[in-house]
Amino acid sequence: MHNMETYNLALVTKKIYDSRLNFFSLKTLRDILEIKKDRSLYSVIRRLLENEVLKKIEKNKYLLENTKLNDFLLANLIYTPSYISFESALNFYGILSQFPYEVTSATSKKTLQKIIDEKTYSYIHLKKELFWGYEKKDNFLIALPEKALLDELYLVSKGLKNFQLGEHDFSLINKDRLKNFLIKFPQTEQFKALTGELIKTKDM
């Protein structure tokens, strides 16, 4: 039986590095280190933090020290399920010229905001029927351009966001795909008015 003193820090550190992971939840660490008892596990994690093997980013979530994860990948990892959408995705694709100061994601869980390393990560709830239209790109999940735009307009139609037509370059939007995606959204009067105005824009 292990007690917490007998965990050899060098061996534990080797297991961490051998996993080839950068991001660890408590469950991942438990599996990698094969430590069943909570007390022992927390003791080992504390030593890994003190010895700068791991860095805590929030409760029960850790990064390998000196790892710089892409903000979008980190956004996916710290709150799941989620995908990058709204302003962050529109800026990523070059559709929105303004650079958002938050990393914005859609989630099927509750809306919340997290601040990690002085950066704000915002997660906005979309009902499960609207949680689609994203793909994996460079290791993170991000909405397709048309879905990011419709996610944004959906929130605008509910009075949760503002939208300036002039700040967007709609030439990068696939109009056919936009129309196919559009019919899957709740057709409220406000949403139809917004999307109707968009489809009429000459740049599209």
N, C-alpha and C. Protein backbone atom coordinates (compact mmCIF):
# COMPACT_ATOMS: atom_id res chain seq x y z
N MET A 1 0.84 -1.21 0.00
CA MET A 1 0.00 0.00 0.00
C MET A 1 0.87 1.26 0.00
N HIS A 2 0.50 2.20 -0.82
CA HIS A 2 1.18 3.49 -0.80
C HIS A 2 0.65 4.33 0.35
N ASN A 3 1.50 5.02 1.04
CA ASN A 3 0.99 6.15 1.79
C ASN A 3 1.53 7.39 1.11
N MET A 4 1.08 8.57 1.55
CA MET A 4 1.39 9.74 0.72
C MET A 4 2.87 10.08 0.72
N GLU A 5 3.62 9.64 1.75
CA GLU A 5 5.06 9.94 1.78
C GLU A 5 5.84 9.14 0.74
N THR A 6 5.31 7.94 0.39
CA THR A 6 6.14 7.05 -0.43
C THR A 6 6.01 7.33 -1.93
N TYR A 7 5.16 8.27 -2.32
CA TYR A 7 5.09 8.60 -3.74
C TYR A 7 6.37 9.34 -4.12
N ASN A 8 7.12 8.74 -4.99
CA ASN A 8 8.40 9.31 -5.41
C ASN A 8 8.12 10.41 -6.43
N LEU A 9 8.53 11.62 -6.11
CA LEU A 9 8.20 12.77 -6.97
C LEU A 9 8.75 12.59 -8.38
N ALA A 10 9.95 12.04 -8.50
CA ALA A 10 10.56 11.85 -9.83
C ALA A 10 9.73 10.88 -10.67
N LEU A 11 9.25 9.80 -10.03
CA LEU A 11 8.44 8.82 -10.76
C LEU A 11 7.08 9.40 -11.15
N VAL A 12 6.51 10.14 -10.21
CA VAL A 12 5.21 10.78 -10.47
C VAL A 12 5.36 11.78 -11.63
N THR A 13 6.43 12.56 -11.59
CA THR A 13 6.69 13.56 -12.65
C THR A 13 6.88 12.87 -13.99
N LYS A 14 7.59 11.74 -13.99
CA LYS A 14 7.81 10.99 -15.23
C LYS A 14 6.47 10.53 -15.82
N LYS A 15 5.57 10.05 -14.93
CA LYS A 15 4.25 9.61 -15.41
C LYS A 15 3.49 10.78 -16.06
N ILE A 16 3.62 11.95 -15.45
CA ILE A 16 2.96 13.14 -15.99
C ILE A 16 3.50 13.43 -17.40
N TYR A 17 4.83 13.46 -17.53
CA TYR A 17 5.44 13.77 -18.83
C TYR A 17 5.17 12.68 -19.86
N ASP A 18 5.21 11.42 -19.39
CA ASP A 18 4.97 10.30 -20.32
C ASP A 18 3.55 10.30 -20.88
N SER A 19 2.63 10.94 -20.16
CA SER A 19 1.24 10.97 -20.64
C SER A 19 1.10 11.80 -21.92
N ARG A 20 2.09 12.68 -22.17
CA ARG A 20 2.09 13.57 -23.35
C ARG A 20 0.90 14.55 -23.34
N LEU A 21 0.30 14.73 -22.18
CA LEU A 21 -0.82 15.68 -22.08
C LEU A 21 -0.31 17.02 -21.56
N ASN A 22 -1.06 18.07 -21.89
CA ASN A 22 -0.75 19.41 -21.37
C ASN A 22 -1.75 19.86 -20.33
N PHE A 23 -2.96 19.31 -20.44
CA PHE A 23 -4.08 19.75 -19.59
C PHE A 23 -4.57 18.54 -18.79
N PHE A 24 -4.80 18.75 -17.51
CA PHE A 24 -5.20 17.63 -16.64
C PHE A 24 -6.40 18.02 -15.78
N SER A 25 -7.41 17.19 -15.79
CA SER A 25 -8.47 17.32 -14.79
C SER A 25 -8.08 16.42 -13.62
N LEU A 26 -8.81 16.53 -12.54
CA LEU A 26 -8.52 15.68 -11.38
C LEU A 26 -8.64 14.20 -11.77
N LYS A 27 -9.66 13.88 -12.58
CA LYS A 27 -9.87 12.48 -12.99
C LYS A 27 -8.69 12.00 -13.83
N THR A 28 -8.20 12.83 -14.75
CA THR A 28 -7.06 12.44 -15.59
C THR A 28 -5.84 12.14 -14.72
N LEU A 29 -5.60 13.03 -13.73
CA LEU A 29 -4.44 12.82 -12.85
C LEU A 29 -4.60 11.54 -12.03
N ARG A 30 -5.81 11.29 -11.58
CA ARG A 30 -6.06 10.06 -10.80
C ARG A 30 -5.73 8.83 -11.66
N ASP A 31 -6.17 8.87 -12.93
CA ASP A 31 -5.94 7.73 -13.84
C ASP A 31 -4.46 7.56 -14.18
N ILE A 32 -3.79 8.67 -14.48
CA ILE A 32 -2.37 8.60 -14.87
C ILE A 32 -1.51 8.13 -13.69
N LEU A 33 -1.78 8.69 -12.53
CA LEU A 33 -0.93 8.40 -11.36
C LEU A 33 -1.38 7.14 -10.61
N GLU A 34 -2.57 6.64 -10.98
CA GLU A 34 -3.13 5.43 -10.36
C GLU A 34 -3.19 5.55 -8.84
N ILE A 35 -3.70 6.69 -8.38
CA ILE A 35 -3.86 6.93 -6.94
C ILE A 35 -5.36 6.97 -6.64
N LYS A 36 -5.80 6.04 -5.84
CA LYS A 36 -7.23 5.92 -5.55
C LYS A 36 -7.69 6.91 -4.47
N LYS A 37 -6.87 7.03 -3.41
CA LYS A 37 -7.33 7.80 -2.25
C LYS A 37 -7.21 9.30 -2.50
N ASP A 38 -8.30 10.01 -2.24
CA ASP A 38 -8.32 11.46 -2.47
C ASP A 38 -7.20 12.17 -1.71
N ARG A 39 -7.02 11.78 -0.45
CA ARG A 39 -6.05 12.49 0.38
C ARG A 39 -4.64 12.37 -0.21
N SER A 40 -4.31 11.16 -0.65
CA SER A 40 -2.99 10.93 -1.25
C SER A 40 -2.86 11.70 -2.57
N LEU A 41 -3.92 11.66 -3.36
CA LEU A 41 -3.89 12.34 -4.66
C LEU A 41 -3.67 13.84 -4.48
N TYR A 42 -4.44 14.46 -3.57
CA TYR A 42 -4.28 15.91 -3.35
C TYR A 42 -2.89 16.25 -2.81
N SER A 43 -2.35 15.36 -2.01
CA SER A 43 -1.00 15.57 -1.47
C SER A 43 0.04 15.57 -2.60
N VAL A 44 -0.10 14.60 -3.51
CA VAL A 44 0.83 14.51 -4.65
C VAL A 44 0.67 15.73 -5.56
N ILE A 45 -0.58 16.12 -5.81
CA ILE A 45 -0.82 17.30 -6.66
C ILE A 45 -0.18 18.54 -6.03
N ARG A 46 -0.33 18.67 -4.71
CA ARG A 46 0.27 19.82 -4.03
C ARG A 46 1.79 19.85 -4.24
N ARG A 47 2.42 18.67 -4.17
CA ARG A 47 3.87 18.60 -4.39
C ARG A 47 4.23 18.93 -5.84
N LEU A 48 3.41 18.48 -6.75
CA LEU A 48 3.66 18.79 -8.17
C LEU A 48 3.54 20.29 -8.44
N LEU A 49 2.62 20.94 -7.74
CA LEU A 49 2.46 22.40 -7.87
C LEU A 49 3.65 23.12 -7.23
N GLU A 50 4.03 22.68 -6.06
CA GLU A 50 5.17 23.31 -5.36
C GLU A 50 6.46 23.17 -6.15
N ASN A 51 6.61 22.03 -6.84
CA ASN A 51 7.83 21.78 -7.61
C ASN A 51 7.72 22.26 -9.06
N GLU A 52 6.65 23.01 -9.33
CA GLU A 52 6.44 23.65 -10.64
C GLU A 52 6.43 22.65 -11.79
N VAL A 53 5.84 21.48 -11.52
CA VAL A 53 5.59 20.52 -12.60
C VAL A 53 4.23 20.87 -13.23
N LEU A 54 3.28 21.19 -12.35
CA LEU A 54 1.94 21.58 -12.79
C LEU A 54 1.63 23.01 -12.35
N LYS A 55 0.70 23.61 -13.08
CA LYS A 55 0.19 24.94 -12.72
C LYS A 55 -1.33 24.83 -12.62
N LYS A 56 -1.90 25.31 -11.53
CA LYS A 56 -3.36 25.24 -11.35
C LYS A 56 -4.01 26.37 -12.14
N ILE A 57 -5.01 26.04 -12.96
CA ILE A 57 -5.71 27.12 -13.66
C ILE A 57 -7.07 27.41 -13.02
N GLU A 58 -7.68 26.42 -12.44
CA GLU A 58 -8.87 26.62 -11.62
C GLU A 58 -9.09 25.33 -10.84
N LYS A 59 -10.14 25.30 -10.04
CA LYS A 59 -10.35 24.14 -9.17
C LYS A 59 -10.33 22.83 -9.96
N ASN A 60 -9.42 21.94 -9.54
CA ASN A 60 -9.32 20.59 -10.14
C ASN A 60 -8.95 20.60 -11.63
N LYS A 61 -8.36 21.69 -12.10
CA LYS A 61 -7.89 21.74 -13.51
C LYS A 61 -6.48 22.31 -13.51
N TYR A 62 -5.60 21.62 -14.21
CA TYR A 62 -4.17 21.94 -14.14
C TYR A 62 -3.56 21.90 -15.54
N LEU A 63 -2.52 22.72 -15.71
CA LEU A 63 -1.72 22.71 -16.93
C LEU A 63 -0.31 22.28 -16.59
N LEU A 64 0.35 21.65 -17.55
CA LEU A 64 1.77 21.39 -17.40
C LEU A 64 2.47 22.74 -17.33
N GLU A 65 3.36 22.92 -16.36
CA GLU A 65 4.05 24.21 -16.18
C GLU A 65 4.75 24.60 -17.49
N ASN A 66 4.77 25.88 -17.78
CA ASN A 66 5.40 26.43 -19.00
C ASN A 66 4.71 26.03 -20.30
N THR A 67 3.50 25.50 -20.18
CA THR A 67 2.73 25.20 -21.39
C THR A 67 1.90 26.42 -21.74
N LYS A 68 1.93 26.82 -23.01
CA LYS A 68 1.04 27.90 -23.45
C LYS A 68 0.03 27.27 -24.38
N LEU A 69 -1.15 27.04 -23.87
CA LEU A 69 -2.20 26.47 -24.73
C LEU A 69 -2.86 27.59 -25.51
N ASN A 70 -3.26 27.27 -26.73
CA ASN A 70 -4.08 28.18 -27.52
C ASN A 70 -5.33 28.56 -26.71
N ASP A 71 -5.69 29.84 -26.70
CA ASP A 71 -6.85 30.32 -25.92
C ASP A 71 -8.13 29.56 -26.28
N PHE A 72 -8.28 29.24 -27.57
CA PHE A 72 -9.50 28.56 -28.00
C PHE A 72 -9.53 27.12 -27.48
N LEU A 73 -8.38 26.46 -27.51
CA LEU A 73 -8.31 25.09 -27.00
C LEU A 73 -8.58 25.10 -25.49
N LEU A 74 -7.98 26.05 -24.79
CA LEU A 74 -8.20 26.16 -23.34
C LEU A 74 -9.69 26.41 -23.05
N ALA A 75 -10.30 27.27 -23.87
CA ALA A 75 -11.74 27.55 -23.70
C ALA A 75 -12.56 26.26 -23.81
N ASN A 76 -12.22 25.42 -24.79
CA ASN A 76 -12.91 24.13 -24.95
C ASN A 76 -12.72 23.24 -23.73
N LEU A 77 -11.51 23.23 -23.19
CA LEU A 77 -11.16 22.29 -22.12
C LEU A 77 -11.75 22.67 -20.76
N ILE A 78 -11.82 23.98 -20.48
CA ILE A 78 -12.21 24.36 -19.12
C ILE A 78 -13.73 24.32 -18.88
N TYR A 79 -14.50 24.20 -19.95
CA TYR A 79 -15.96 24.07 -19.77
C TYR A 79 -16.49 23.26 -20.94
N THR A 80 -16.95 22.06 -20.66
CA THR A 80 -17.42 21.18 -21.73
C THR A 80 -18.87 20.78 -21.46
N PRO A 81 -19.67 20.53 -22.49
CA PRO A 81 -19.34 20.73 -23.90
C PRO A 81 -19.43 22.20 -24.29
N SER A 82 -18.51 22.62 -25.15
CA SER A 82 -18.56 23.99 -25.65
C SER A 82 -17.82 24.06 -26.98
N TYR A 83 -18.14 25.07 -27.77
CA TYR A 83 -17.38 25.34 -28.99
C TYR A 83 -17.26 26.86 -29.14
N ILE A 84 -16.18 27.30 -29.76
CA ILE A 84 -15.94 28.73 -29.99
C ILE A 84 -17.00 29.24 -30.97
N SER A 85 -17.63 30.37 -30.64
CA SER A 85 -18.65 30.92 -31.53
C SER A 85 -18.73 32.43 -31.34
N PHE A 86 -19.82 33.01 -31.83
CA PHE A 86 -20.09 34.45 -31.66
C PHE A 86 -18.90 35.30 -32.15
N GLU A 87 -18.56 36.36 -31.40
CA GLU A 87 -17.52 37.30 -31.87
C GLU A 87 -16.16 36.64 -32.08
N SER A 88 -15.80 35.70 -31.20
CA SER A 88 -14.47 35.08 -31.32
C SER A 88 -14.34 34.32 -32.64
N ALA A 89 -15.37 33.54 -32.98
CA ALA A 89 -15.31 32.78 -34.24
C ALA A 89 -15.38 33.72 -35.44
N LEU A 90 -16.24 34.74 -35.37
CA LEU A 90 -16.37 35.68 -36.50
C LEU A 90 -15.07 36.43 -36.73
N ASN A 91 -14.38 36.79 -35.66
CA ASN A 91 -13.09 37.46 -35.79
C ASN A 91 -12.04 36.49 -36.34
N PHE A 92 -12.06 35.25 -35.89
CA PHE A 92 -11.12 34.22 -36.34
C PHE A 92 -11.20 34.05 -37.86
N TYR A 93 -12.43 34.08 -38.39
CA TYR A 93 -12.62 33.88 -39.84
C TYR A 93 -12.42 35.18 -40.64
N GLY A 94 -12.23 36.30 -39.95
CA GLY A 94 -12.05 37.57 -40.66
C GLY A 94 -13.36 38.24 -41.03
N ILE A 95 -14.49 37.75 -40.49
CA ILE A 95 -15.80 38.34 -40.80
C ILE A 95 -16.03 39.58 -39.96
N LEU A 96 -15.58 39.54 -38.73
CA LEU A 96 -15.70 40.68 -37.82
C LEU A 96 -14.32 41.31 -37.65
N SER A 97 -14.23 42.60 -37.96
CA SER A 97 -12.92 43.25 -37.91
C SER A 97 -12.50 43.57 -36.48
N GLN A 98 -13.48 43.85 -35.63
CA GLN A 98 -13.15 44.19 -34.23
C GLN A 98 -12.61 42.98 -33.50
N PHE A 99 -11.56 43.19 -32.72
CA PHE A 99 -10.98 42.07 -31.98
C PHE A 99 -11.69 41.95 -30.62
N PRO A 100 -12.35 40.82 -30.35
CA PRO A 100 -13.08 40.72 -29.09
C PRO A 100 -12.12 40.58 -27.90
N TYR A 101 -12.45 41.22 -26.80
CA TYR A 101 -11.57 41.13 -25.63
C TYR A 101 -11.87 39.90 -24.79
N GLU A 102 -12.94 39.19 -25.12
CA GLU A 102 -13.26 37.93 -24.43
C GLU A 102 -13.15 36.79 -25.43
N VAL A 103 -12.95 35.58 -24.91
CA VAL A 103 -13.06 34.39 -25.75
C VAL A 103 -14.50 33.88 -25.57
N THR A 104 -15.29 33.92 -26.65
CA THR A 104 -16.72 33.61 -26.54
C THR A 104 -17.03 32.22 -27.09
N SER A 105 -17.78 31.46 -26.31
CA SER A 105 -18.14 30.09 -26.70
C SER A 105 -19.63 29.86 -26.49
N ALA A 106 -20.14 28.88 -27.23
CA ALA A 106 -21.51 28.40 -26.99
C ALA A 106 -21.41 27.13 -26.16
N THR A 107 -22.36 26.95 -25.26
CA THR A 107 -22.41 25.73 -24.45
C THR A 107 -23.86 25.28 -24.32
N SER A 108 -24.05 23.97 -24.14
CA SER A 108 -25.42 23.49 -23.86
C SER A 108 -25.68 23.49 -22.36
N LYS A 109 -24.65 23.81 -21.58
CA LYS A 109 -24.82 23.93 -20.12
C LYS A 109 -25.17 25.38 -19.79
N LYS A 110 -25.11 25.73 -18.50
CA LYS A 110 -25.55 27.06 -18.13
C LYS A 110 -24.52 28.12 -18.53
N THR A 111 -25.01 29.33 -18.74
CA THR A 111 -24.16 30.48 -19.10
C THR A 111 -23.24 30.79 -17.93
N LEU A 112 -21.96 30.99 -18.21
CA LEU A 112 -21.07 31.46 -17.15
C LEU A 112 -19.84 32.12 -17.75
N GLN A 113 -19.07 32.73 -16.86
CA GLN A 113 -17.85 33.44 -17.26
C GLN A 113 -16.72 32.98 -16.35
N LYS A 114 -15.55 32.76 -16.92
CA LYS A 114 -14.37 32.39 -16.13
C LYS A 114 -13.25 33.34 -16.47
N ILE A 115 -12.43 33.66 -15.48
CA ILE A 115 -11.25 34.50 -15.76
C ILE A 115 -10.01 33.68 -15.41
N ILE A 116 -9.17 33.47 -16.40
CA ILE A 116 -7.94 32.69 -16.20
C ILE A 116 -6.79 33.49 -16.79
N ASP A 117 -5.74 33.69 -15.98
CA ASP A 117 -4.59 34.48 -16.42
C ASP A 117 -5.03 35.83 -17.00
N GLU A 118 -5.96 36.46 -16.32
CA GLU A 118 -6.47 37.79 -16.68
C GLU A 118 -7.22 37.84 -18.01
N LYS A 119 -7.53 36.67 -18.57
CA LYS A 119 -8.34 36.65 -19.80
C LYS A 119 -9.73 36.13 -19.45
N THR A 120 -10.75 36.75 -20.06
CA THR A 120 -12.14 36.36 -19.78
C THR A 120 -12.63 35.34 -20.81
N TYR A 121 -13.17 34.27 -20.31
CA TYR A 121 -13.77 33.22 -21.14
C TYR A 121 -15.27 33.22 -20.86
N SER A 122 -16.07 33.56 -21.88
CA SER A 122 -17.53 33.63 -21.70
C SER A 122 -18.18 32.45 -22.41
N TYR A 123 -19.10 31.83 -21.71
CA TYR A 123 -19.85 30.69 -22.25
C TYR A 123 -21.32 31.05 -22.21
N ILE A 124 -21.96 30.98 -23.38
CA ILE A 124 -23.36 31.39 -23.46
C ILE A 124 -24.21 30.16 -23.80
N HIS A 125 -25.24 29.98 -23.00
CA HIS A 125 -26.09 28.79 -23.17
C HIS A 125 -26.88 28.86 -24.47
N LEU A 126 -26.81 27.79 -25.24
CA LEU A 126 -27.73 27.58 -26.37
C LEU A 126 -28.47 26.28 -26.08
N LYS A 127 -29.76 26.24 -26.38
CA LYS A 127 -30.47 24.99 -26.10
C LYS A 127 -29.91 23.86 -26.98
N LYS A 128 -30.11 22.65 -26.51
CA LYS A 128 -29.47 21.49 -27.16
C LYS A 128 -29.78 21.41 -28.66
N GLU A 129 -30.99 21.82 -29.04
CA GLU A 129 -31.36 21.75 -30.47
C GLU A 129 -30.50 22.67 -31.33
N LEU A 130 -29.85 23.65 -30.70
CA LEU A 130 -29.00 24.58 -31.48
C LEU A 130 -27.51 24.30 -31.29
N PHE A 131 -27.21 23.22 -30.59
CA PHE A 131 -25.80 22.91 -30.30
C PHE A 131 -25.24 22.01 -31.40
N TRP A 132 -24.94 22.61 -32.54
CA TRP A 132 -24.43 21.90 -33.72
C TRP A 132 -23.72 22.93 -34.60
N GLY A 133 -23.24 22.48 -35.76
CA GLY A 133 -22.65 23.42 -36.73
C GLY A 133 -21.24 23.86 -36.38
N TYR A 134 -20.49 22.97 -35.73
CA TYR A 134 -19.10 23.30 -35.40
C TYR A 134 -18.19 22.18 -35.91
N GLU A 135 -16.90 22.45 -35.99
CA GLU A 135 -15.95 21.44 -36.46
C GLU A 135 -14.65 21.58 -35.69
N LYS A 136 -13.80 20.59 -35.82
CA LYS A 136 -12.50 20.64 -35.16
C LYS A 136 -11.51 21.29 -36.12
N LYS A 137 -10.83 22.32 -35.63
CA LYS A 137 -9.85 23.05 -36.46
C LYS A 137 -8.66 23.34 -35.55
N ASP A 138 -7.45 22.97 -35.98
CA ASP A 138 -6.26 23.21 -35.16
C ASP A 138 -6.44 22.74 -33.73
N ASN A 139 -7.11 21.61 -33.54
CA ASN A 139 -7.23 21.01 -32.21
C ASN A 139 -8.37 21.55 -31.34
N PHE A 140 -9.07 22.58 -31.79
CA PHE A 140 -10.19 23.07 -30.98
C PHE A 140 -11.49 23.03 -31.78
N LEU A 141 -12.61 23.09 -31.07
CA LEU A 141 -13.93 23.07 -31.71
C LEU A 141 -14.39 24.51 -31.93
N ILE A 142 -14.78 24.80 -33.15
CA ILE A 142 -15.21 26.16 -33.49
C ILE A 142 -16.41 26.09 -34.44
N ALA A 143 -17.35 27.02 -34.29
CA ALA A 143 -18.51 27.06 -35.17
C ALA A 143 -18.07 27.34 -36.60
N LEU A 144 -18.79 26.77 -37.55
CA LEU A 144 -18.61 27.15 -38.95
C LEU A 144 -18.99 28.63 -39.06
N PRO A 145 -18.44 29.37 -40.03
CA PRO A 145 -18.70 30.82 -40.10
C PRO A 145 -20.19 31.17 -40.07
N GLU A 146 -20.98 30.41 -40.84
CA GLU A 146 -22.42 30.70 -40.94
C GLU A 146 -23.13 30.44 -39.61
N LYS A 147 -22.70 29.39 -38.91
CA LYS A 147 -23.32 29.07 -37.62
C LYS A 147 -22.93 30.11 -36.57
N ALA A 148 -21.67 30.55 -36.59
CA ALA A 148 -21.23 31.59 -35.65
C ALA A 148 -22.06 32.86 -35.84
N LEU A 149 -22.32 33.20 -37.10
CA LEU A 149 -23.11 34.40 -37.40
C LEU A 149 -24.55 34.24 -36.91
N LEU A 150 -25.13 33.07 -37.16
CA LEU A 150 -26.52 32.84 -36.72
C LEU A 150 -26.62 32.72 -35.20
N ASP A 151 -25.61 32.11 -34.56
CA ASP A 151 -25.59 32.08 -33.09
C ASP A 151 -25.63 33.51 -32.55
N GLU A 152 -24.81 34.37 -33.17
CA GLU A 152 -24.72 35.77 -32.76
C GLU A 152 -26.08 36.47 -32.96
N LEU A 153 -26.66 36.31 -34.14
CA LEU A 153 -27.94 36.97 -34.45
C LEU A 153 -29.07 36.46 -33.56
N TYR A 154 -29.00 35.19 -33.22
CA TYR A 154 -30.00 34.60 -32.32
C TYR A 154 -29.98 35.33 -30.97
N LEU A 155 -28.77 35.58 -30.47
CA LEU A 155 -28.65 36.30 -29.19
C LEU A 155 -29.06 37.77 -29.33
N VAL A 156 -28.74 38.36 -30.48
CA VAL A 156 -29.16 39.75 -30.74
C VAL A 156 -30.68 39.82 -30.74
N SER A 157 -31.33 38.83 -31.37
CA SER A 157 -32.80 38.82 -31.46
C SER A 157 -33.45 38.68 -30.08
N LYS A 158 -32.69 38.12 -29.13
CA LYS A 158 -33.21 37.98 -27.76
C LYS A 158 -32.78 39.14 -26.87
N GLY A 159 -32.13 40.14 -27.48
CA GLY A 159 -31.71 41.32 -26.73
C GLY A 159 -30.48 41.11 -25.86
N LEU A 160 -29.71 40.04 -26.15
CA LEU A 160 -28.55 39.71 -25.31
C LEU A 160 -27.23 40.24 -25.89
N LYS A 161 -27.25 40.66 -27.14
CA LYS A 161 -26.04 41.21 -27.76
C LYS A 161 -26.43 42.34 -28.70
N ASN A 162 -25.43 43.19 -29.02
CA ASN A 162 -25.63 44.22 -30.04
C ASN A 162 -24.95 43.77 -31.32
N PHE A 163 -25.39 44.34 -32.44
CA PHE A 163 -24.84 43.90 -33.72
C PHE A 163 -24.79 45.09 -34.67
N GLN A 164 -23.60 45.35 -35.22
CA GLN A 164 -23.43 46.43 -36.21
C GLN A 164 -23.13 45.79 -37.56
N LEU A 165 -24.05 45.93 -38.50
CA LEU A 165 -23.83 45.33 -39.84
C LEU A 165 -22.53 45.80 -40.46
N GLY A 166 -22.22 47.10 -40.28
CA GLY A 166 -21.05 47.69 -40.95
C GLY A 166 -19.71 47.13 -40.49
N GLU A 167 -19.68 46.44 -39.35
CA GLU A 167 -18.39 45.92 -38.85
C GLU A 167 -18.08 44.52 -39.38
N HIS A 168 -18.96 44.01 -40.24
CA HIS A 168 -18.80 42.62 -40.71
C HIS A 168 -18.55 42.57 -42.21
N ASP A 169 -17.74 41.58 -42.61
CA ASP A 169 -17.47 41.33 -44.03
C ASP A 169 -18.22 40.05 -44.41
N PHE A 170 -19.40 40.22 -45.00
CA PHE A 170 -20.25 39.06 -45.29
C PHE A 170 -19.85 38.32 -46.57
N SER A 171 -18.84 38.83 -47.28
CA SER A 171 -18.41 38.14 -48.51
C SER A 171 -17.80 36.78 -48.16
N LEU A 172 -17.44 36.58 -46.88
CA LEU A 172 -16.81 35.32 -46.46
C LEU A 172 -17.84 34.29 -46.00
N ILE A 173 -19.12 34.64 -46.12
CA ILE A 173 -20.20 33.74 -45.69
C ILE A 173 -20.75 33.00 -46.90
N ASN A 174 -20.98 31.70 -46.74
CA ASN A 174 -21.60 30.90 -47.81
C ASN A 174 -23.12 31.05 -47.67
N LYS A 175 -23.70 31.74 -48.64
CA LYS A 175 -25.13 32.11 -48.54
C LYS A 175 -26.05 30.89 -48.51
N ASP A 176 -25.71 29.86 -49.31
CA ASP A 176 -26.54 28.65 -49.34
C ASP A 176 -26.52 27.93 -47.99
N ARG A 177 -25.31 27.82 -47.45
CA ARG A 177 -25.20 27.15 -46.15
C ARG A 177 -25.92 27.96 -45.06
N LEU A 178 -25.81 29.28 -45.17
CA LEU A 178 -26.49 30.15 -44.21
C LEU A 178 -28.00 29.88 -44.23
N LYS A 179 -28.56 29.80 -45.44
CA LYS A 179 -30.01 29.58 -45.56
C LYS A 179 -30.41 28.20 -45.03
N ASN A 180 -29.56 27.19 -45.27
CA ASN A 180 -29.84 25.84 -44.75
C ASN A 180 -29.81 25.81 -43.22
N PHE A 181 -28.86 26.53 -42.65
CA PHE A 181 -28.74 26.58 -41.19
C PHE A 181 -29.87 27.40 -40.57
N LEU A 182 -30.25 28.44 -41.30
CA LEU A 182 -31.23 29.40 -40.79
C LEU A 182 -32.55 28.74 -40.41
N ILE A 183 -32.98 27.79 -41.22
CA ILE A 183 -34.30 27.18 -40.99
C ILE A 183 -34.33 26.30 -39.73
N LYS A 184 -33.15 25.99 -39.18
CA LYS A 184 -33.09 25.16 -37.97
C LYS A 184 -33.22 25.99 -36.69
N PHE A 185 -33.28 27.31 -36.85
CA PHE A 185 -33.41 28.21 -35.69
C PHE A 185 -34.87 28.56 -35.44
N PRO A 186 -35.23 28.87 -34.18
CA PRO A 186 -36.61 29.31 -33.90
C PRO A 186 -36.92 30.59 -34.68
N GLN A 187 -38.00 30.57 -35.43
CA GLN A 187 -38.31 31.69 -36.32
C GLN A 187 -39.15 32.76 -35.60
N THR A 188 -38.55 33.43 -34.64
CA THR A 188 -39.26 34.51 -33.97
C THR A 188 -39.30 35.73 -34.90
N GLU A 189 -40.21 36.65 -34.62
CA GLU A 189 -40.31 37.86 -35.45
C GLU A 189 -38.98 38.61 -35.49
N GLN A 190 -38.37 38.78 -34.31
CA GLN A 190 -37.11 39.55 -34.23
C GLN A 190 -36.01 38.86 -35.03
N PHE A 191 -35.94 37.53 -34.91
CA PHE A 191 -34.88 36.78 -35.60
C PHE A 191 -35.08 36.86 -37.11
N LYS A 192 -36.34 36.71 -37.54
CA LYS A 192 -36.63 36.78 -38.99
C LYS A 192 -36.32 38.16 -39.55
N ALA A 193 -36.61 39.19 -38.77
CA ALA A 193 -36.33 40.56 -39.22
C ALA A 193 -34.82 40.76 -39.40
N LEU A 194 -34.06 40.30 -38.44
CA LEU A 194 -32.60 40.45 -38.49
C LEU A 194 -31.99 39.67 -39.65
N THR A 195 -32.38 38.41 -39.80
CA THR A 195 -31.77 37.58 -40.83
C THR A 195 -32.26 38.01 -42.22
N GLY A 196 -33.49 38.48 -42.29
CA GLY A 196 -34.00 38.98 -43.58
C GLY A 196 -33.19 40.16 -44.04
N GLU A 197 -32.88 41.06 -43.12
CA GLU A 197 -32.08 42.26 -43.44
C GLU A 197 -30.67 41.82 -43.89
N LEU A 198 -30.14 40.81 -43.22
CA LEU A 198 -28.80 40.33 -43.53
C LEU A 198 -28.75 39.73 -44.95
N ILE A 199 -29.71 38.90 -45.26
CA ILE A 199 -29.70 38.21 -46.56
C ILE A 199 -29.85 39.21 -47.71
N LYS A 200 -30.50 40.35 -47.41
CA LYS A 200 -30.66 41.40 -48.45
C LYS A 200 -29.38 42.20 -48.67
N THR A 201 -28.39 42.09 -47.73
CA THR A 201 -27.19 42.95 -47.88
C THR A 201 -26.47 42.61 -49.18
N LYS A 202 -26.02 43.66 -49.86
CA LYS A 202 -25.44 43.48 -51.21
C LYS A 202 -24.12 42.73 -51.20
N ASP A 203 -23.46 42.70 -50.04
CA ASP A 203 -22.13 42.06 -49.99
C ASP A 203 -22.20 40.55 -49.94
N MET A 204 -23.41 40.02 -49.89
CA MET A 204 -23.49 38.58 -49.68
C MET A 204 -23.87 37.82 -50.94
